[in-house]
């Protein structure tokens, strides 16, 4: 079927018209990945409340096996299939590499350099507006595996360490959107039965995950005693 490329037209910005590929890339970067503002850091680093276990072969394969061999690849062009072939022969070497990255707190630069593809949103009629596009980030597969494993370690720490608020449903084991909906329903019905009013505030933060302040996040994790090698 080949690769279909749809040229992006000139884009409107507050400073004028972006016409060259460099100008468009700069405008998209400023729109979707702005520099974080200065935020005062709070909280003091605490000693880790527990040791972080090493990455095991089972854990690595559990992160690798379910992946699709047809996923779009990152800059290197290396997909999951050759990585699975390599894991069949050199799994111990890969585990050693992943554990060294974890111990050093190092995410190889080549693994977190990504290719960003801009897709036009079907419900947006004006193609000259940056917000009419959705950025799709194509990461390196080995980097995605490492990130998935570290995310699991963070989830284990937050669930076992009792650091999550009791009324948080996301990122909590055996909890999800159904539990949140059920809890809200119970609260609403109890309020109505008491002939009282209830106010629900729903907040949708635009581009939240793309604009997380890394230094603030790092400081917050340190302040709750998170092991340094998974921050």
C-alpha atoms as a PDB file:
ATOM      1  CA  UNK A   1       0.000   0.000   0.000  1.00  0.00           C
ATOM      2  CA  UNK A   2       2.970   2.325   0.474  1.00  0.00           C
ATOM      3  CA  UNK A   3       3.170   5.452   2.566  1.00  0.00           C
ATOM      4  CA  UNK A   4       0.688   8.236   1.986  1.00  0.00           C
ATOM      5  CA  UNK A   5       1.911  11.742   2.706  1.00  0.00           C
ATOM      6  CA  UNK A   6      -0.483  14.671   2.863  1.00  0.00           C
ATOM      7  CA  UNK A   7       1.279  18.048   2.732  1.00  0.00           C
ATOM      8  CA  UNK A   8       0.422  20.461   5.530  1.00  0.00           C
ATOM      9  CA  UNK A   9      -0.645  23.873   4.188  1.00  0.00           C
ATOM     10  CA  UNK A  10       0.657  27.180   5.498  1.00  0.00           C
ATOM     11  CA  UNK A  11      -0.299  27.710   9.129  1.00  0.00           C
ATOM     12  CA  UNK A  12      -1.602  30.829  10.813  1.00  0.00           C
ATOM     13  CA  UNK A  13       0.113  32.064  13.956  1.00  0.00           C
ATOM     14  CA  UNK A  14       0.079  35.207  16.075  1.00  0.00           C
ATOM     15  CA  UNK A  15       3.352  36.296  14.440  1.00  0.00           C
ATOM     16  CA  UNK A  16       2.295  35.674  10.852  1.00  0.00           C
ATOM     17  CA  UNK A  17       2.144  32.823   8.368  1.00  0.00           C
ATOM     18  CA  UNK A  18       4.298  29.697   8.771  1.00  0.00           C
ATOM     19  CA  UNK A  19       5.130  28.461   5.276  1.00  0.00           C
ATOM     20  CA  UNK A  20       8.414  26.530   5.379  1.00  0.00           C
ATOM     21  CA  UNK A  21       8.777  23.088   7.027  1.00  0.00           C
ATOM     22  CA  UNK A  22      11.040  24.641   9.672  1.00  0.00           C
ATOM     23  CA  UNK A  23       8.510  27.363  10.504  1.00  0.00           C
ATOM     24  CA  UNK A  24       5.664  24.838  10.707  1.00  0.00           C
ATOM     25  CA  UNK A  25       7.708  22.526  12.951  1.00  0.00           C
ATOM     26  CA  UNK A  26       8.551  25.466  15.240  1.00  0.00           C
ATOM     27  CA  UNK A  27       4.895  26.520  15.426  1.00  0.00           C
ATOM     28  CA  UNK A  28       3.713  22.976  16.194  1.00  0.00           C
ATOM     29  CA  UNK A  29       6.375  22.666  18.907  1.00  0.00           C
ATOM     30  CA  UNK A  30       5.314  25.935  20.532  1.00  0.00           C
ATOM     31  CA  UNK A  31       1.644  24.915  20.314  1.00  0.00           C
ATOM     32  CA  UNK A  32       1.807  21.369  21.633  1.00  0.00           C
ATOM     33  CA  UNK A  33       5.077  21.246  23.597  1.00  0.00           C
ATOM     34  CA  UNK A  34       5.568  24.677  25.226  1.00  0.00           C
ATOM     35  CA  UNK A  35       8.400  25.286  27.654  1.00  0.00           C
ATOM     36  CA  UNK A  36       7.185  24.798  31.251  1.00  0.00           C
ATOM     37  CA  UNK A  37       6.857  27.916  33.344  1.00  0.00           C
ATOM     38  CA  UNK A  38       8.735  28.583  36.566  1.00  0.00           C
ATOM     39  CA  UNK A  39       6.971  26.878  39.458  1.00  0.00           C
ATOM     40  CA  UNK A  40       8.254  27.056  43.059  1.00  0.00           C
ATOM     41  CA  UNK A  41       9.337  23.605  44.191  1.00  0.00           C
ATOM     42  CA  UNK A  42       7.825  22.300  47.402  1.00  0.00           C
ATOM     43  CA  UNK A  43       8.627  19.336  49.604  1.00  0.00           C
ATOM     44  CA  UNK A  44      11.912  18.000  50.931  1.00  0.00           C
ATOM     45  CA  UNK A  45      13.559  14.843  49.557  1.00  0.00           C
ATOM     46  CA  UNK A  46      12.989  11.864  51.841  1.00  0.00           C
ATOM     47  CA  UNK A  47      15.031   8.664  52.092  1.00  0.00           C
ATOM     48  CA  UNK A  48      13.547   5.898  49.924  1.00  0.00           C
ATOM     49  CA  UNK A  49      10.864   4.072  51.872  1.00  0.00           C
ATOM     50  CA  UNK A  50      11.816   0.757  50.263  1.00  0.00           C
ATOM     51  CA  UNK A  51      14.304  -0.769  47.866  1.00  0.00           C
ATOM     52  CA  UNK A  52      13.403  -1.000  44.214  1.00  0.00           C
ATOM     53  CA  UNK A  53      13.744  -4.586  42.924  1.00  0.00           C
ATOM     54  CA  UNK A  54      15.742  -5.318  39.763  1.00  0.00           C
ATOM     55  CA  UNK A  55      14.027  -5.966  36.448  1.00  0.00           C
ATOM     56  CA  UNK A  56      13.479  -9.687  35.928  1.00  0.00           C
ATOM     57  CA  UNK A  57      13.394 -11.741  32.743  1.00  0.00           C
ATOM     58  CA  UNK A  58       9.726 -12.526  33.311  1.00  0.00           C
ATOM     59  CA  UNK A  59       8.937  -8.835  33.740  1.00  0.00           C
ATOM     60  CA  UNK A  60      10.814  -7.909  30.572  1.00  0.00           C
ATOM     61  CA  UNK A  61       9.111 -10.590  28.481  1.00  0.00           C
ATOM     62  CA  UNK A  62       5.721  -9.638  29.920  1.00  0.00           C
ATOM     63  CA  UNK A  63       6.289  -6.116  28.609  1.00  0.00           C
ATOM     64  CA  UNK A  64       7.578  -7.294  25.214  1.00  0.00           C
ATOM     65  CA  UNK A  65       5.437 -10.298  24.229  1.00  0.00           C
ATOM     66  CA  UNK A  66       1.979  -8.646  23.907  1.00  0.00           C
ATOM     67  CA  UNK A  67       3.269  -5.855  21.658  1.00  0.00           C
ATOM     68  CA  UNK A  68       2.111  -5.679  18.045  1.00  0.00           C
ATOM     69  CA  UNK A  69       4.683  -6.223  15.305  1.00  0.00           C
ATOM     70  CA  UNK A  70       2.718  -3.832  13.090  1.00  0.00           C
ATOM     71  CA  UNK A  71       3.084  -0.701  15.213  1.00  0.00           C
ATOM     72  CA  UNK A  72       4.565   2.353  13.500  1.00  0.00           C
ATOM     73  CA  UNK A  73       8.289   2.577  14.212  1.00  0.00           C
ATOM     74  CA  UNK A  74      10.418   5.383  15.564  1.00  0.00           C
ATOM     75  CA  UNK A  75      13.402   7.132  14.001  1.00  0.00           C
ATOM     76  CA  UNK A  76      15.587   4.000  13.821  1.00  0.00           C
ATOM     77  CA  UNK A  77      12.981   2.022  11.879  1.00  0.00           C
ATOM     78  CA  UNK A  78      13.417  -0.956  14.244  1.00  0.00           C
ATOM     79  CA  UNK A  79      10.103  -2.600  15.082  1.00  0.00           C
ATOM     80  CA  UNK A  80       9.130  -5.063  17.780  1.00  0.00           C
ATOM     81  CA  UNK A  81       9.669  -8.170  15.635  1.00  0.00           C
ATOM     82  CA  UNK A  82      13.503  -7.995  15.420  1.00  0.00           C
ATOM     83  CA  UNK A  83      13.614  -7.096  19.125  1.00  0.00           C
ATOM     84  CA  UNK A  84      11.633 -10.260  19.904  1.00  0.00           C
ATOM     85  CA  UNK A  85      14.046 -12.261  17.753  1.00  0.00           C
ATOM     86  CA  UNK A  86      16.968 -10.714  19.667  1.00  0.00           C
ATOM     87  CA  UNK A  87      15.279 -11.461  23.003  1.00  0.00           C
ATOM     88  CA  UNK A  88      15.039 -15.151  22.079  1.00  0.00           C
ATOM     89  CA  UNK A  89      18.837 -15.326  21.803  1.00  0.00           C
ATOM     90  CA  UNK A  90      20.162 -12.525  24.014  1.00  0.00           C
ATOM     91  CA  UNK A  91      17.578 -11.994  26.736  1.00  0.00           C
ATOM     92  CA  UNK A  92      20.168 -11.943  29.551  1.00  0.00           C
ATOM     93  CA  UNK A  93      22.140  -9.220  27.785  1.00  0.00           C
ATOM     94  CA  UNK A  94      18.977  -7.159  27.332  1.00  0.00           C
ATOM     95  CA  UNK A  95      18.034  -7.620  30.998  1.00  0.00           C
ATOM     96  CA  UNK A  96      21.522  -6.500  32.048  1.00  0.00           C
ATOM     97  CA  UNK A  97      21.218  -3.435  29.823  1.00  0.00           C
ATOM     98  CA  UNK A  98      17.790  -2.539  31.219  1.00  0.00           C
ATOM     99  CA  UNK A  99      18.917  -2.992  34.827  1.00  0.00           C
ATOM    100  CA  UNK A 100      22.010  -0.852  34.282  1.00  0.00           C
ATOM    101  CA  UNK A 101      19.786   1.888  32.859  1.00  0.00           C
ATOM    102  CA  UNK A 102      17.552   1.587  35.918  1.00  0.00           C
ATOM    103  CA  UNK A 103      20.381   1.608  38.478  1.00  0.00           C
ATOM    104  CA  UNK A 104      22.002   4.644  36.838  1.00  0.00           C
ATOM    105  CA  UNK A 105      18.674   6.397  36.345  1.00  0.00           C
ATOM    106  CA  UNK A 106      19.612   6.757  32.689  1.00  0.00           C
ATOM    107  CA  UNK A 107      17.225   6.703  29.748  1.00  0.00           C
ATOM    108  CA  UNK A 108      19.418   6.387  26.616  1.00  0.00           C
ATOM    109  CA  UNK A 109      19.017   9.465  24.450  1.00  0.00           C
ATOM    110  CA  UNK A 110      18.532   7.366  21.308  1.00  0.00           C
ATOM    111  CA  UNK A 111      15.612   5.584  23.005  1.00  0.00           C
ATOM    112  CA  UNK A 112      13.641   8.671  23.915  1.00  0.00           C
ATOM    113  CA  UNK A 113      14.171  10.636  20.719  1.00  0.00           C
ATOM    114  CA  UNK A 114      10.856  10.406  18.915  1.00  0.00           C
ATOM    115  CA  UNK A 115       9.348  11.163  15.540  1.00  0.00           C
ATOM    116  CA  UNK A 116       6.193  13.284  15.772  1.00  0.00           C
ATOM    117  CA  UNK A 117       3.612  12.962  13.003  1.00  0.00           C
ATOM    118  CA  UNK A 118       0.877  15.570  12.720  1.00  0.00           C
ATOM    119  CA  UNK A 119      -2.543  14.167  11.770  1.00  0.00           C
ATOM    120  CA  UNK A 120      -5.390  16.425  10.721  1.00  0.00           C
ATOM    121  CA  UNK A 121      -8.420  15.971  12.971  1.00  0.00           C
ATOM    122  CA  UNK A 122     -11.413  14.838  10.888  1.00  0.00           C
ATOM    123  CA  UNK A 123     -13.814  17.209  12.652  1.00  0.00           C
ATOM    124  CA  UNK A 124     -11.622  20.281  12.133  1.00  0.00           C
ATOM    125  CA  UNK A 125     -12.352  22.105   8.874  1.00  0.00           C
ATOM    126  CA  UNK A 126      -9.626  24.765   8.952  1.00  0.00           C
ATOM    127  CA  UNK A 127      -6.287  23.086   8.070  1.00  0.00           C
ATOM    128  CA  UNK A 128      -4.376  26.346   8.589  1.00  0.00           C
ATOM    129  CA  UNK A 129      -4.854  26.256  12.379  1.00  0.00           C
ATOM    130  CA  UNK A 130      -2.269  24.288  14.430  1.00  0.00           C
ATOM    131  CA  UNK A 131      -4.958  23.037  16.824  1.00  0.00           C
ATOM    132  CA  UNK A 132      -6.659  21.338  13.868  1.00  0.00           C
ATOM    133  CA  UNK A 133      -3.942  18.671  14.090  1.00  0.00           C
ATOM    134  CA  UNK A 134      -3.176  15.909  16.565  1.00  0.00           C
ATOM    135  CA  UNK A 135       0.475  15.030  17.282  1.00  0.00           C
ATOM    136  CA  UNK A 136       1.251  11.306  17.206  1.00  0.00           C
ATOM    137  CA  UNK A 137       4.579  10.450  18.830  1.00  0.00           C
ATOM    138  CA  UNK A 138       6.437   7.446  17.403  1.00  0.00           C
ATOM    139  CA  UNK A 139       8.944   6.263  19.996  1.00  0.00           C
ATOM    140  CA  UNK A 140      11.727   3.707  19.862  1.00  0.00           C
ATOM    141  CA  UNK A 141      10.467   0.251  20.806  1.00  0.00           C
ATOM    142  CA  UNK A 142      13.207  -0.559  23.332  1.00  0.00           C
ATOM    143  CA  UNK A 143      12.570   2.788  24.998  1.00  0.00           C
ATOM    144  CA  UNK A 144       8.848   2.033  25.185  1.00  0.00           C
ATOM    145  CA  UNK A 145       9.590  -1.327  26.846  1.00  0.00           C
ATOM    146  CA  UNK A 146      11.828   0.318  29.440  1.00  0.00           C
ATOM    147  CA  UNK A 147       9.232   3.033  30.111  1.00  0.00           C
ATOM    148  CA  UNK A 148       6.486   0.432  30.529  1.00  0.00           C
ATOM    149  CA  UNK A 149       8.539  -1.513  33.077  1.00  0.00           C
ATOM    150  CA  UNK A 150       9.508   1.596  35.066  1.00  0.00           C
ATOM    151  CA  UNK A 151       5.863   2.719  35.024  1.00  0.00           C
ATOM    152  CA  UNK A 152       4.909  -0.645  36.538  1.00  0.00           C
ATOM    153  CA  UNK A 153       7.523  -0.148  39.278  1.00  0.00           C
ATOM    154  CA  UNK A 154       6.125   3.319  39.999  1.00  0.00           C
ATOM    155  CA  UNK A 155       2.614   1.910  40.167  1.00  0.00           C
ATOM    156  CA  UNK A 156       3.773  -0.815  42.563  1.00  0.00           C
ATOM    157  CA  UNK A 157       5.438   1.792  44.795  1.00  0.00           C
ATOM    158  CA  UNK A 158       2.404   4.092  44.842  1.00  0.00           C
ATOM    159  CA  UNK A 159      -0.061   1.282  45.558  1.00  0.00           C
ATOM    160  CA  UNK A 160       2.002  -0.588  48.139  1.00  0.00           C
ATOM    161  CA  UNK A 161       3.339   2.540  49.813  1.00  0.00           C
ATOM    162  CA  UNK A 162      -0.070   4.026  50.546  1.00  0.00           C
ATOM    163  CA  UNK A 163       0.804   7.273  48.786  1.00  0.00           C
ATOM    164  CA  UNK A 164      -2.368   7.524  46.668  1.00  0.00           C
ATOM    165  CA  UNK A 165      -5.351   9.460  48.053  1.00  0.00           C
ATOM    166  CA  UNK A 166      -8.181   7.142  49.099  1.00  0.00           C
ATOM    167  CA  UNK A 167     -10.527   8.818  46.616  1.00  0.00           C
ATOM    168  CA  UNK A 168      -8.234   8.419  43.605  1.00  0.00           C
ATOM    169  CA  UNK A 169      -9.331   5.747  41.140  1.00  0.00           C
ATOM    170  CA  UNK A 170      -6.792   6.126  38.334  1.00  0.00           C
ATOM    171  CA  UNK A 171      -3.454   4.261  38.524  1.00  0.00           C
ATOM    172  CA  UNK A 172      -4.788   2.195  41.429  1.00  0.00           C
ATOM    173  CA  UNK A 173      -4.869  -1.592  41.328  1.00  0.00           C
ATOM    174  CA  UNK A 174      -8.276  -3.230  40.961  1.00  0.00           C
ATOM    175  CA  UNK A 175      -9.846   0.162  40.388  1.00  0.00           C
ATOM    176  CA  UNK A 176     -11.040   2.010  37.314  1.00  0.00           C
ATOM    177  CA  UNK A 177     -13.616   4.233  35.696  1.00  0.00           C
ATOM    178  CA  UNK A 178     -16.504   1.941  36.686  1.00  0.00           C
ATOM    179  CA  UNK A 179     -15.583   2.319  40.355  1.00  0.00           C
ATOM    180  CA  UNK A 180     -15.420   6.102  39.982  1.00  0.00           C
ATOM    181  CA  UNK A 181     -18.850   6.170  38.323  1.00  0.00           C
ATOM    182  CA  UNK A 182     -20.321   3.903  41.017  1.00  0.00           C
ATOM    183  CA  UNK A 183     -18.871   6.037  43.829  1.00  0.00           C
ATOM    184  CA  UNK A 184     -20.264   9.202  42.234  1.00  0.00           C
ATOM    185  CA  UNK A 185     -23.688   7.583  41.825  1.00  0.00           C
ATOM    186  CA  UNK A 186     -23.748   6.551  45.493  1.00  0.00           C
ATOM    187  CA  UNK A 187     -22.810  10.082  46.600  1.00  0.00           C
ATOM    188  CA  UNK A 188     -25.475  11.673  44.375  1.00  0.00           C
ATOM    189  CA  UNK A 189     -28.250   9.317  45.501  1.00  0.00           C
ATOM    190  CA  UNK A 190     -27.330   9.744  49.177  1.00  0.00           C
ATOM    191  CA  UNK A 191     -27.433  13.519  48.776  1.00  0.00           C
ATOM    192  CA  UNK A 192     -30.794  13.444  47.007  1.00  0.00           C
ATOM    193  CA  UNK A 193     -32.251  11.135  49.655  1.00  0.00           C
ATOM    194  CA  UNK A 194     -31.261  13.700  52.266  1.00  0.00           C
ATOM    195  CA  UNK A 195     -33.019  16.472  50.288  1.00  0.00           C
ATOM    196  CA  UNK A 196     -29.729  18.257  49.746  1.00  0.00           C
ATOM    197  CA  UNK A 197     -27.999  19.669  46.697  1.00  0.00           C
ATOM    198  CA  UNK A 198     -24.790  18.326  45.212  1.00  0.00           C
ATOM    199  CA  UNK A 199     -22.284  20.078  42.981  1.00  0.00           C
ATOM    200  CA  UNK A 200     -19.994  18.162  40.611  1.00  0.00           C
ATOM    201  CA  UNK A 201     -16.965  19.901  39.108  1.00  0.00           C
ATOM    202  CA  UNK A 202     -15.450  18.276  36.004  1.00  0.00           C
ATOM    203  CA  UNK A 203     -12.077  19.590  34.847  1.00  0.00           C
ATOM    204  CA  UNK A 204     -10.487  18.794  31.488  1.00  0.00           C
ATOM    205  CA  UNK A 205      -6.888  20.029  31.323  1.00  0.00           C
ATOM    206  CA  UNK A 206      -5.781  20.584  27.749  1.00  0.00           C
ATOM    207  CA  UNK A 207      -2.545  18.764  26.877  1.00  0.00           C
ATOM    208  CA  UNK A 208      -1.981  17.695  30.485  1.00  0.00           C
ATOM    209  CA  UNK A 209       0.383  14.775  29.873  1.00  0.00           C
ATOM    210  CA  UNK A 210       2.422  16.707  27.294  1.00  0.00           C
ATOM    211  CA  UNK A 211       2.968  19.586  29.698  1.00  0.00           C
ATOM    212  CA  UNK A 212       3.767  17.876  33.003  1.00  0.00           C
ATOM    213  CA  UNK A 213       6.526  19.849  34.742  1.00  0.00           C
ATOM    214  CA  UNK A 214       9.260  17.223  35.045  1.00  0.00           C
ATOM    215  CA  UNK A 215      11.212  18.945  37.819  1.00  0.00           C
ATOM    216  CA  UNK A 216       8.098  19.393  39.965  1.00  0.00           C
ATOM    217  CA  UNK A 217       7.122  15.760  39.356  1.00  0.00           C
ATOM    218  CA  UNK A 218      10.645  14.626  40.287  1.00  0.00           C
ATOM    219  CA  UNK A 219      10.577  16.679  43.494  1.00  0.00           C
ATOM    220  CA  UNK A 220       7.149  15.357  44.477  1.00  0.00           C
ATOM    221  CA  UNK A 221       8.288  11.756  44.018  1.00  0.00           C
ATOM    222  CA  UNK A 222      11.385  12.426  46.118  1.00  0.00           C
ATOM    223  CA  UNK A 223       9.269  13.982  48.872  1.00  0.00           C
ATOM    224  CA  UNK A 224       7.238  10.770  49.283  1.00  0.00           C
ATOM    225  CA  UNK A 225      10.321   8.552  49.459  1.00  0.00           C
ATOM    226  CA  UNK A 226      10.200   7.079  45.968  1.00  0.00           C
ATOM    227  CA  UNK A 227      13.338   5.083  45.061  1.00  0.00           C
ATOM    228  CA  UNK A 228      15.613   7.314  42.985  1.00  0.00           C
ATOM    229  CA  UNK A 229      16.250   4.690  40.296  1.00  0.00           C
ATOM    230  CA  UNK A 230      12.624   4.687  39.135  1.00  0.00           C
ATOM    231  CA  UNK A 231      12.111   8.466  39.130  1.00  0.00           C
END
